[in-house]
């Protein structure tokens, strides 16, 4: 297995065993799902479509996707797959694979759709990972991806704030699990929550909030803030890409008709296998 980072896989297993999303309300789960899937071409799926969730984690998106399709393959290289199995136990149309991208768990040209949300920026070769996902799709099948953005639509000040936070991430991600959880929870309390509520107040005053860091969380629960704080600061390997770089990787992988969502989270994009 070459296109994996072992420390990152272990980190995600630890994260999803703690944040299994069981405390997240149905309304919030659905709202976030719709944010990710806002550009997904549901009308392109055949009846009883078969597809995959690459890097399914806790299974939070699979839980909403599986009832809409014929069969869903949930794939994850970490122990988080056990969390997904528990969460999806009542769904008969789901299969589970503890496997990495390099293991190519599904045959080439076999899937009617695929998606990978918040995963492919955590592997050494993101372009190669997209290519591997696309190889499993049938021609004409859509592939949805969410990849961390490089703040290409943000101001210089916003980027400088991120650079400071990334130095903090590089230190926290190396810590033992218990201390890592303590510090990321602390960041959720002292940074995420105040900034999110400040953004919410600012929005209610009729002022723009898009330039405020963490304004995305203004309508999300504290549980989501804790989850994402752990995800953001506790993960060893993180890469970021501009919209044009993501479009280029998708094109090189054989995806056409690439469409980007124009709202957060950035960047969500879908392409159709040529």
C-alpha atoms as a PDB file:
ATOM      1  CA  UNK A   1       0.000   0.000   0.000  1.00  0.00           C
ATOM      2  CA  UNK A   2       1.822   3.084  -1.256  1.00  0.00           C
ATOM      3  CA  UNK A   3      -0.826   5.795  -1.394  1.00  0.00           C
ATOM      4  CA  UNK A   4      -1.616   5.806   2.323  1.00  0.00           C
ATOM      5  CA  UNK A   5      -0.306   7.508   5.428  1.00  0.00           C
ATOM      6  CA  UNK A   6      -0.378   5.035   8.315  1.00  0.00           C
ATOM      7  CA  UNK A   7      -0.427   7.692  11.041  1.00  0.00           C
ATOM      8  CA  UNK A   8      -3.395   9.399   9.395  1.00  0.00           C
ATOM      9  CA  UNK A   9      -5.313   6.115   9.087  1.00  0.00           C
ATOM     10  CA  UNK A  10      -4.793   5.454  12.800  1.00  0.00           C
ATOM     11  CA  UNK A  11      -5.852   9.004  13.600  1.00  0.00           C
ATOM     12  CA  UNK A  12      -9.146   8.607  11.759  1.00  0.00           C
ATOM     13  CA  UNK A  13      -9.861   5.315  13.472  1.00  0.00           C
ATOM     14  CA  UNK A  14      -9.380   7.086  16.801  1.00  0.00           C
ATOM     15  CA  UNK A  15     -11.480  10.084  15.742  1.00  0.00           C
ATOM     16  CA  UNK A  16     -14.529   8.184  14.512  1.00  0.00           C
ATOM     17  CA  UNK A  17     -14.519   5.805  17.467  1.00  0.00           C
ATOM     18  CA  UNK A  18     -15.043   8.870  19.660  1.00  0.00           C
ATOM     19  CA  UNK A  19     -17.196  10.974  17.338  1.00  0.00           C
ATOM     20  CA  UNK A  20     -19.459   8.289  15.894  1.00  0.00           C
ATOM     21  CA  UNK A  21     -22.042  10.992  14.974  1.00  0.00           C
ATOM     22  CA  UNK A  22     -24.745   9.331  17.061  1.00  0.00           C
ATOM     23  CA  UNK A  23     -25.245  12.638  18.901  1.00  0.00           C
ATOM     24  CA  UNK A  24     -25.814  14.600  15.689  1.00  0.00           C
ATOM     25  CA  UNK A  25     -29.447  15.483  15.038  1.00  0.00           C
ATOM     26  CA  UNK A  26     -31.200  14.151  11.954  1.00  0.00           C
ATOM     27  CA  UNK A  27     -31.881  17.702  10.792  1.00  0.00           C
ATOM     28  CA  UNK A  28     -28.238  18.766  10.978  1.00  0.00           C
ATOM     29  CA  UNK A  29     -26.987  15.552   9.386  1.00  0.00           C
ATOM     30  CA  UNK A  30     -29.379  16.050   6.482  1.00  0.00           C
ATOM     31  CA  UNK A  31     -28.433  19.715   6.105  1.00  0.00           C
ATOM     32  CA  UNK A  32     -24.717  18.950   5.901  1.00  0.00           C
ATOM     33  CA  UNK A  33     -25.374  16.043   3.509  1.00  0.00           C
ATOM     34  CA  UNK A  34     -27.279  18.398   1.223  1.00  0.00           C
ATOM     35  CA  UNK A  35     -24.416  20.904   1.337  1.00  0.00           C
ATOM     36  CA  UNK A  36     -22.003  18.266   0.079  1.00  0.00           C
ATOM     37  CA  UNK A  37     -24.393  16.813  -2.480  1.00  0.00           C
ATOM     38  CA  UNK A  38     -25.763  20.119  -3.791  1.00  0.00           C
ATOM     39  CA  UNK A  39     -24.108  19.549  -7.190  1.00  0.00           C
ATOM     40  CA  UNK A  40     -24.628  15.783  -7.367  1.00  0.00           C
ATOM     41  CA  UNK A  41     -26.560  14.812 -10.532  1.00  0.00           C
ATOM     42  CA  UNK A  42     -29.171  12.495  -9.034  1.00  0.00           C
ATOM     43  CA  UNK A  43     -30.942  12.363 -12.396  1.00  0.00           C
ATOM     44  CA  UNK A  44     -27.894  10.646 -13.941  1.00  0.00           C
ATOM     45  CA  UNK A  45     -28.256   7.566 -11.728  1.00  0.00           C
ATOM     46  CA  UNK A  46     -29.960   4.478 -13.140  1.00  0.00           C
ATOM     47  CA  UNK A  47     -32.642   2.645 -11.206  1.00  0.00           C
ATOM     48  CA  UNK A  48     -31.139   0.615  -8.334  1.00  0.00           C
ATOM     49  CA  UNK A  49     -27.770   2.266  -8.852  1.00  0.00           C
ATOM     50  CA  UNK A  50     -24.683   0.611  -7.348  1.00  0.00           C
ATOM     51  CA  UNK A  51     -21.861   2.805  -6.073  1.00  0.00           C
ATOM     52  CA  UNK A  52     -19.242   3.444  -3.415  1.00  0.00           C
ATOM     53  CA  UNK A  53     -18.399   5.678  -0.491  1.00  0.00           C
ATOM     54  CA  UNK A  54     -14.600   5.946  -0.481  1.00  0.00           C
ATOM     55  CA  UNK A  55     -13.348   6.669   3.024  1.00  0.00           C
ATOM     56  CA  UNK A  56     -16.759   6.184   4.633  1.00  0.00           C
ATOM     57  CA  UNK A  57     -15.506   6.839   8.181  1.00  0.00           C
ATOM     58  CA  UNK A  58     -18.390   6.610  10.644  1.00  0.00           C
ATOM     59  CA  UNK A  59     -20.891   5.984   7.846  1.00  0.00           C
ATOM     60  CA  UNK A  60     -22.733   9.259   8.438  1.00  0.00           C
ATOM     61  CA  UNK A  61     -23.190  10.004   4.725  1.00  0.00           C
ATOM     62  CA  UNK A  62     -23.754   6.363   3.784  1.00  0.00           C
ATOM     63  CA  UNK A  63     -26.703   6.295   6.171  1.00  0.00           C
ATOM     64  CA  UNK A  64     -28.466   8.894   4.033  1.00  0.00           C
ATOM     65  CA  UNK A  65     -27.191   7.664   0.689  1.00  0.00           C
ATOM     66  CA  UNK A  66     -27.978   3.942   0.978  1.00  0.00           C
ATOM     67  CA  UNK A  67     -31.793   4.355   1.098  1.00  0.00           C
ATOM     68  CA  UNK A  68     -31.630   6.309  -2.179  1.00  0.00           C
ATOM     69  CA  UNK A  69     -29.751   3.691  -4.226  1.00  0.00           C
ATOM     70  CA  UNK A  70     -29.732  -0.026  -4.989  1.00  0.00           C
ATOM     71  CA  UNK A  71     -26.470  -0.907  -3.242  1.00  0.00           C
ATOM     72  CA  UNK A  72     -23.668   1.012  -1.559  1.00  0.00           C
ATOM     73  CA  UNK A  73     -20.107  -0.198  -1.013  1.00  0.00           C
ATOM     74  CA  UNK A  74     -18.535   1.405   2.078  1.00  0.00           C
ATOM     75  CA  UNK A  75     -14.748   1.440   1.939  1.00  0.00           C
ATOM     76  CA  UNK A  76     -12.318   2.598   4.623  1.00  0.00           C
ATOM     77  CA  UNK A  77      -8.789   1.489   5.607  1.00  0.00           C
ATOM     78  CA  UNK A  78      -9.181   2.370   9.294  1.00  0.00           C
ATOM     79  CA  UNK A  79     -10.916   0.839  12.287  1.00  0.00           C
ATOM     80  CA  UNK A  80     -13.643   3.430  11.707  1.00  0.00           C
ATOM     81  CA  UNK A  81     -15.248   0.808   9.485  1.00  0.00           C
ATOM     82  CA  UNK A  82     -16.438  -0.927  12.655  1.00  0.00           C
ATOM     83  CA  UNK A  83     -18.251   2.275  13.623  1.00  0.00           C
ATOM     84  CA  UNK A  84     -19.888   2.398  10.191  1.00  0.00           C
ATOM     85  CA  UNK A  85     -20.991  -1.236  10.443  1.00  0.00           C
ATOM     86  CA  UNK A  86     -22.720  -0.498  13.734  1.00  0.00           C
ATOM     87  CA  UNK A  87     -24.369   2.671  12.424  1.00  0.00           C
ATOM     88  CA  UNK A  88     -25.632   0.982   9.253  1.00  0.00           C
ATOM     89  CA  UNK A  89     -26.602  -2.392  10.698  1.00  0.00           C
ATOM     90  CA  UNK A  90     -30.273  -1.949   9.753  1.00  0.00           C
ATOM     91  CA  UNK A  91     -29.486  -1.313   6.079  1.00  0.00           C
ATOM     92  CA  UNK A  92     -29.462  -4.508   4.016  1.00  0.00           C
ATOM     93  CA  UNK A  93     -28.054  -2.940   0.846  1.00  0.00           C
ATOM     94  CA  UNK A  94     -24.613  -1.996   2.192  1.00  0.00           C
ATOM     95  CA  UNK A  95     -21.323  -3.899   1.887  1.00  0.00           C
ATOM     96  CA  UNK A  96     -18.162  -3.130   3.858  1.00  0.00           C
ATOM     97  CA  UNK A  97     -14.518  -3.279   2.827  1.00  0.00           C
ATOM     98  CA  UNK A  98     -11.607  -2.504   5.095  1.00  0.00           C
ATOM     99  CA  UNK A  99      -9.254  -1.553   2.313  1.00  0.00           C
ATOM    100  CA  UNK A 100      -7.129   1.276   0.982  1.00  0.00           C
ATOM    101  CA  UNK A 101      -7.337   2.811  -2.458  1.00  0.00           C
ATOM    102  CA  UNK A 102      -4.279   0.864  -3.552  1.00  0.00           C
ATOM    103  CA  UNK A 103      -6.086  -2.396  -2.900  1.00  0.00           C
ATOM    104  CA  UNK A 104      -8.759  -1.489  -5.472  1.00  0.00           C
ATOM    105  CA  UNK A 105     -11.575  -3.305  -3.667  1.00  0.00           C
ATOM    106  CA  UNK A 106     -14.046  -3.023  -6.571  1.00  0.00           C
ATOM    107  CA  UNK A 107     -13.638  -4.062 -10.227  1.00  0.00           C
ATOM    108  CA  UNK A 108     -12.878  -1.488 -12.896  1.00  0.00           C
ATOM    109  CA  UNK A 109     -15.833  -0.015 -14.788  1.00  0.00           C
ATOM    110  CA  UNK A 110     -18.336  -1.557 -12.368  1.00  0.00           C
ATOM    111  CA  UNK A 111     -19.955   1.320 -10.438  1.00  0.00           C
ATOM    112  CA  UNK A 112     -22.828   3.653 -11.318  1.00  0.00           C
ATOM    113  CA  UNK A 113     -21.572   6.417  -9.008  1.00  0.00           C
ATOM    114  CA  UNK A 114     -18.981   7.162  -6.369  1.00  0.00           C
ATOM    115  CA  UNK A 115     -18.141   9.816  -3.835  1.00  0.00           C
ATOM    116  CA  UNK A 116     -15.329  10.642  -1.439  1.00  0.00           C
ATOM    117  CA  UNK A 117     -15.899  13.455   1.042  1.00  0.00           C
ATOM    118  CA  UNK A 118     -13.067  14.931   3.069  1.00  0.00           C
ATOM    119  CA  UNK A 119     -10.699  12.040   2.406  1.00  0.00           C
ATOM    120  CA  UNK A 120      -8.487  12.420  -0.650  1.00  0.00           C
ATOM    121  CA  UNK A 121      -6.550  15.410   0.716  1.00  0.00           C
ATOM    122  CA  UNK A 122      -5.328  13.065   3.464  1.00  0.00           C
ATOM    123  CA  UNK A 123      -3.370  10.734   1.153  1.00  0.00           C
ATOM    124  CA  UNK A 124       0.121  11.337  -0.263  1.00  0.00           C
ATOM    125  CA  UNK A 125      -0.997  11.350  -3.920  1.00  0.00           C
ATOM    126  CA  UNK A 126      -4.396  13.003  -4.252  1.00  0.00           C
ATOM    127  CA  UNK A 127      -4.344  12.979  -8.064  1.00  0.00           C
ATOM    128  CA  UNK A 128      -3.567   9.256  -8.060  1.00  0.00           C
ATOM    129  CA  UNK A 129      -6.381   8.644  -5.551  1.00  0.00           C
ATOM    130  CA  UNK A 130      -8.909  10.392  -7.796  1.00  0.00           C
ATOM    131  CA  UNK A 131      -7.688   8.326 -10.721  1.00  0.00           C
ATOM    132  CA  UNK A 132      -8.154   5.086  -8.772  1.00  0.00           C
ATOM    133  CA  UNK A 133     -11.712   6.060  -7.815  1.00  0.00           C
ATOM    134  CA  UNK A 134     -12.589   6.939 -11.394  1.00  0.00           C
ATOM    135  CA  UNK A 135     -11.258   3.606 -12.673  1.00  0.00           C
ATOM    136  CA  UNK A 136     -13.987   1.814 -10.678  1.00  0.00           C
ATOM    137  CA  UNK A 137     -16.764   3.826 -12.374  1.00  0.00           C
ATOM    138  CA  UNK A 138     -18.682   2.956 -15.503  1.00  0.00           C
ATOM    139  CA  UNK A 139     -18.476   5.475 -18.357  1.00  0.00           C
ATOM    140  CA  UNK A 140     -21.107   8.131 -17.755  1.00  0.00           C
ATOM    141  CA  UNK A 141     -21.063   7.646 -13.966  1.00  0.00           C
ATOM    142  CA  UNK A 142     -20.722  10.671 -11.652  1.00  0.00           C
ATOM    143  CA  UNK A 143     -18.001  11.054  -9.036  1.00  0.00           C
ATOM    144  CA  UNK A 144     -18.434  13.577  -6.218  1.00  0.00           C
ATOM    145  CA  UNK A 145     -15.454  14.791  -4.220  1.00  0.00           C
ATOM    146  CA  UNK A 146     -14.823  17.203  -1.382  1.00  0.00           C
ATOM    147  CA  UNK A 147     -11.196  18.323  -1.117  1.00  0.00           C
ATOM    148  CA  UNK A 148      -9.792  20.961   1.231  1.00  0.00           C
ATOM    149  CA  UNK A 149      -9.390  24.260  -0.545  1.00  0.00           C
ATOM    150  CA  UNK A 150      -6.222  26.374  -0.620  1.00  0.00           C
ATOM    151  CA  UNK A 151      -8.148  29.545   0.296  1.00  0.00           C
ATOM    152  CA  UNK A 152      -7.951  30.668  -3.309  1.00  0.00           C
ATOM    153  CA  UNK A 153     -11.216  32.584  -2.834  1.00  0.00           C
ATOM    154  CA  UNK A 154     -10.081  34.218   0.415  1.00  0.00           C
ATOM    155  CA  UNK A 155      -8.158  37.341   1.389  1.00  0.00           C
ATOM    156  CA  UNK A 156      -4.496  37.480   2.350  1.00  0.00           C
ATOM    157  CA  UNK A 157      -5.454  38.060   5.987  1.00  0.00           C
ATOM    158  CA  UNK A 158      -7.608  34.923   5.960  1.00  0.00           C
ATOM    159  CA  UNK A 159      -4.702  32.913   4.557  1.00  0.00           C
ATOM    160  CA  UNK A 160      -2.335  34.248   7.231  1.00  0.00           C
ATOM    161  CA  UNK A 161      -4.739  33.174   9.972  1.00  0.00           C
ATOM    162  CA  UNK A 162      -4.802  29.694   8.468  1.00  0.00           C
ATOM    163  CA  UNK A 163      -1.001  29.520   8.322  1.00  0.00           C
ATOM    164  CA  UNK A 164      -0.868  30.199  12.038  1.00  0.00           C
ATOM    165  CA  UNK A 165      -3.477  27.510  12.719  1.00  0.00           C
ATOM    166  CA  UNK A 166      -1.558  25.028  10.611  1.00  0.00           C
ATOM    167  CA  UNK A 167       1.505  25.410  12.792  1.00  0.00           C
ATOM    168  CA  UNK A 168      -0.718  24.486  15.719  1.00  0.00           C
ATOM    169  CA  UNK A 169      -2.058  21.455  13.828  1.00  0.00           C
ATOM    170  CA  UNK A 170       1.439  20.181  13.132  1.00  0.00           C
ATOM    171  CA  UNK A 171       2.131  20.163  16.865  1.00  0.00           C
ATOM    172  CA  UNK A 172      -1.197  18.764  18.083  1.00  0.00           C
ATOM    173  CA  UNK A 173      -1.396  15.909  15.582  1.00  0.00           C
ATOM    174  CA  UNK A 174       1.738  14.331  17.053  1.00  0.00           C
ATOM    175  CA  UNK A 175       0.365  14.142  20.605  1.00  0.00           C
ATOM    176  CA  UNK A 176      -1.071  11.060  22.372  1.00  0.00           C
ATOM    177  CA  UNK A 177      -4.760  10.460  21.729  1.00  0.00           C
ATOM    178  CA  UNK A 178      -6.108  11.641  25.089  1.00  0.00           C
ATOM    179  CA  UNK A 179      -4.150  14.903  25.003  1.00  0.00           C
ATOM    180  CA  UNK A 180      -5.058  15.441  21.361  1.00  0.00           C
ATOM    181  CA  UNK A 181      -8.758  15.111  22.188  1.00  0.00           C
ATOM    182  CA  UNK A 182      -8.411  17.478  25.142  1.00  0.00           C
ATOM    183  CA  UNK A 183      -6.713  20.183  23.100  1.00  0.00           C
ATOM    184  CA  UNK A 184      -9.037  19.924  20.095  1.00  0.00           C
ATOM    185  CA  UNK A 185     -12.066  20.074  22.406  1.00  0.00           C
ATOM    186  CA  UNK A 186     -10.518  23.151  24.018  1.00  0.00           C
ATOM    187  CA  UNK A 187     -10.127  24.758  20.604  1.00  0.00           C
ATOM    188  CA  UNK A 188     -13.790  24.017  19.888  1.00  0.00           C
ATOM    189  CA  UNK A 189     -14.731  25.839  23.107  1.00  0.00           C
ATOM    190  CA  UNK A 190     -12.441  28.850  22.898  1.00  0.00           C
ATOM    191  CA  UNK A 191     -12.164  29.350  19.117  1.00  0.00           C
ATOM    192  CA  UNK A 192     -14.829  27.547  17.080  1.00  0.00           C
ATOM    193  CA  UNK A 193     -17.844  28.316  19.260  1.00  0.00           C
ATOM    194  CA  UNK A 194     -17.143  32.045  19.868  1.00  0.00           C
ATOM    195  CA  UNK A 195     -16.305  32.692  16.206  1.00  0.00           C
ATOM    196  CA  UNK A 196     -19.365  30.767  15.020  1.00  0.00           C
ATOM    197  CA  UNK A 197     -21.711  32.643  17.348  1.00  0.00           C
ATOM    198  CA  UNK A 198     -20.097  35.976  16.465  1.00  0.00           C
ATOM    199  CA  UNK A 199     -20.717  35.163  12.794  1.00  0.00           C
ATOM    200  CA  UNK A 200     -24.325  34.268  13.535  1.00  0.00           C
ATOM    201  CA  UNK A 201     -24.881  37.564  15.353  1.00  0.00           C
ATOM    202  CA  UNK A 202     -23.174  39.472  12.544  1.00  0.00           C
ATOM    203  CA  UNK A 203     -25.412  37.779   9.976  1.00  0.00           C
ATOM    204  CA  UNK A 204     -28.538  38.616  11.976  1.00  0.00           C
ATOM    205  CA  UNK A 205     -27.457  42.257  11.908  1.00  0.00           C
ATOM    206  CA  UNK A 206     -27.556  42.046   8.129  1.00  0.00           C
ATOM    207  CA  UNK A 207     -23.797  42.131   7.617  1.00  0.00           C
ATOM    208  CA  UNK A 208     -21.711  39.782   5.419  1.00  0.00           C
ATOM    209  CA  UNK A 209     -19.899  36.962   7.249  1.00  0.00           C
ATOM    210  CA  UNK A 210     -18.029  35.077   4.522  1.00  0.00           C
ATOM    211  CA  UNK A 211     -14.714  36.739   5.432  1.00  0.00           C
ATOM    212  CA  UNK A 212     -14.964  35.687   9.091  1.00  0.00           C
ATOM    213  CA  UNK A 213     -12.964  32.528   9.879  1.00  0.00           C
ATOM    214  CA  UNK A 214     -15.191  29.616  10.964  1.00  0.00           C
ATOM    215  CA  UNK A 215     -18.374  31.425   9.887  1.00  0.00           C
ATOM    216  CA  UNK A 216     -19.397  28.156   8.221  1.00  0.00           C
ATOM    217  CA  UNK A 217     -20.240  26.807  11.698  1.00  0.00           C
ATOM    218  CA  UNK A 218     -22.655  29.597  12.613  1.00  0.00           C
ATOM    219  CA  UNK A 219     -25.655  27.321  12.051  1.00  0.00           C
ATOM    220  CA  UNK A 220     -24.054  24.089  13.224  1.00  0.00           C
ATOM    221  CA  UNK A 221     -24.052  22.355  16.584  1.00  0.00           C
ATOM    222  CA  UNK A 222     -21.224  22.340  19.081  1.00  0.00           C
ATOM    223  CA  UNK A 223     -20.899  18.600  18.445  1.00  0.00           C
ATOM    224  CA  UNK A 224     -20.040  19.318  14.807  1.00  0.00           C
ATOM    225  CA  UNK A 225     -17.519  21.925  15.931  1.00  0.00           C
ATOM    226  CA  UNK A 226     -15.843  19.388  18.246  1.00  0.00           C
ATOM    227  CA  UNK A 227     -15.796  16.797  15.474  1.00  0.00           C
ATOM    228  CA  UNK A 228     -14.278  19.151  12.936  1.00  0.00           C
ATOM    229  CA  UNK A 229     -11.784  20.580  15.413  1.00  0.00           C
ATOM    230  CA  UNK A 230     -10.515  17.049  16.016  1.00  0.00           C
ATOM    231  CA  UNK A 231     -10.482  16.399  12.275  1.00  0.00           C
ATOM    232  CA  UNK A 232      -8.717  19.658  11.437  1.00  0.00           C
ATOM    233  CA  UNK A 233      -6.059  19.770  14.170  1.00  0.00           C
ATOM    234  CA  UNK A 234      -5.585  16.087  14.948  1.00  0.00           C
ATOM    235  CA  UNK A 235      -4.864  14.689  11.490  1.00  0.00           C
ATOM    236  CA  UNK A 236      -1.177  14.275  10.560  1.00  0.00           C
ATOM    237  CA  UNK A 237      -1.357  14.541   6.759  1.00  0.00           C
ATOM    238  CA  UNK A 238      -3.303  17.375   5.181  1.00  0.00           C
ATOM    239  CA  UNK A 239      -3.033  18.800   1.682  1.00  0.00           C
ATOM    240  CA  UNK A 240      -4.893  21.732   0.143  1.00  0.00           C
ATOM    241  CA  UNK A 241      -5.668  22.538  -3.473  1.00  0.00           C
ATOM    242  CA  UNK A 242      -7.046  25.425  -5.489  1.00  0.00           C
ATOM    243  CA  UNK A 243     -10.199  25.071  -7.521  1.00  0.00           C
ATOM    244  CA  UNK A 244      -8.181  25.012 -10.742  1.00  0.00           C
ATOM    245  CA  UNK A 245      -5.853  22.315  -9.385  1.00  0.00           C
ATOM    246  CA  UNK A 246      -8.808  20.123  -8.420  1.00  0.00           C
ATOM    247  CA  UNK A 247     -10.378  20.650 -11.839  1.00  0.00           C
ATOM    248  CA  UNK A 248      -7.090  19.662 -13.458  1.00  0.00           C
ATOM    249  CA  UNK A 249      -6.797  16.471 -11.398  1.00  0.00           C
ATOM    250  CA  UNK A 250     -10.367  15.505 -12.214  1.00  0.00           C
ATOM    251  CA  UNK A 251      -9.827  16.131 -15.916  1.00  0.00           C
ATOM    252  CA  UNK A 252      -6.607  14.097 -15.926  1.00  0.00           C
ATOM    253  CA  UNK A 253      -8.430  11.243 -14.191  1.00  0.00           C
ATOM    254  CA  UNK A 254     -10.961  11.060 -17.014  1.00  0.00           C
ATOM    255  CA  UNK A 255     -13.804  13.152 -15.622  1.00  0.00           C
ATOM    256  CA  UNK A 256     -15.691  15.616 -17.790  1.00  0.00           C
ATOM    257  CA  UNK A 257     -18.538  18.065 -17.183  1.00  0.00           C
ATOM    258  CA  UNK A 258     -16.836  19.106 -13.941  1.00  0.00           C
ATOM    259  CA  UNK A 259     -19.090  21.281 -11.788  1.00  0.00           C
ATOM    260  CA  UNK A 260     -18.142  23.039  -8.531  1.00  0.00           C
ATOM    261  CA  UNK A 261     -20.431  24.073  -5.711  1.00  0.00           C
ATOM    262  CA  UNK A 262     -20.357  27.834  -5.196  1.00  0.00           C
ATOM    263  CA  UNK A 263     -20.979  27.587  -1.452  1.00  0.00           C
ATOM    264  CA  UNK A 264     -19.166  26.190   1.573  1.00  0.00           C
ATOM    265  CA  UNK A 265     -17.699  23.721   2.256  1.00  0.00           C
ATOM    266  CA  UNK A 266     -14.995  24.348  -0.359  1.00  0.00           C
ATOM    267  CA  UNK A 267     -14.307  22.673  -2.699  1.00  0.00           C
ATOM    268  CA  UNK A 268     -17.088  20.249  -3.547  1.00  0.00           C
ATOM    269  CA  UNK A 269     -17.047  19.147  -7.173  1.00  0.00           C
ATOM    270  CA  UNK A 270     -18.610  16.494  -9.361  1.00  0.00           C
ATOM    271  CA  UNK A 271     -17.504  15.107 -12.693  1.00  0.00           C
ATOM    272  CA  UNK A 272     -18.798  12.487 -15.145  1.00  0.00           C
ATOM    273  CA  UNK A 273     -16.518   9.678 -16.285  1.00  0.00           C
ATOM    274  CA  UNK A 274     -15.791  10.022 -19.977  1.00  0.00           C
END
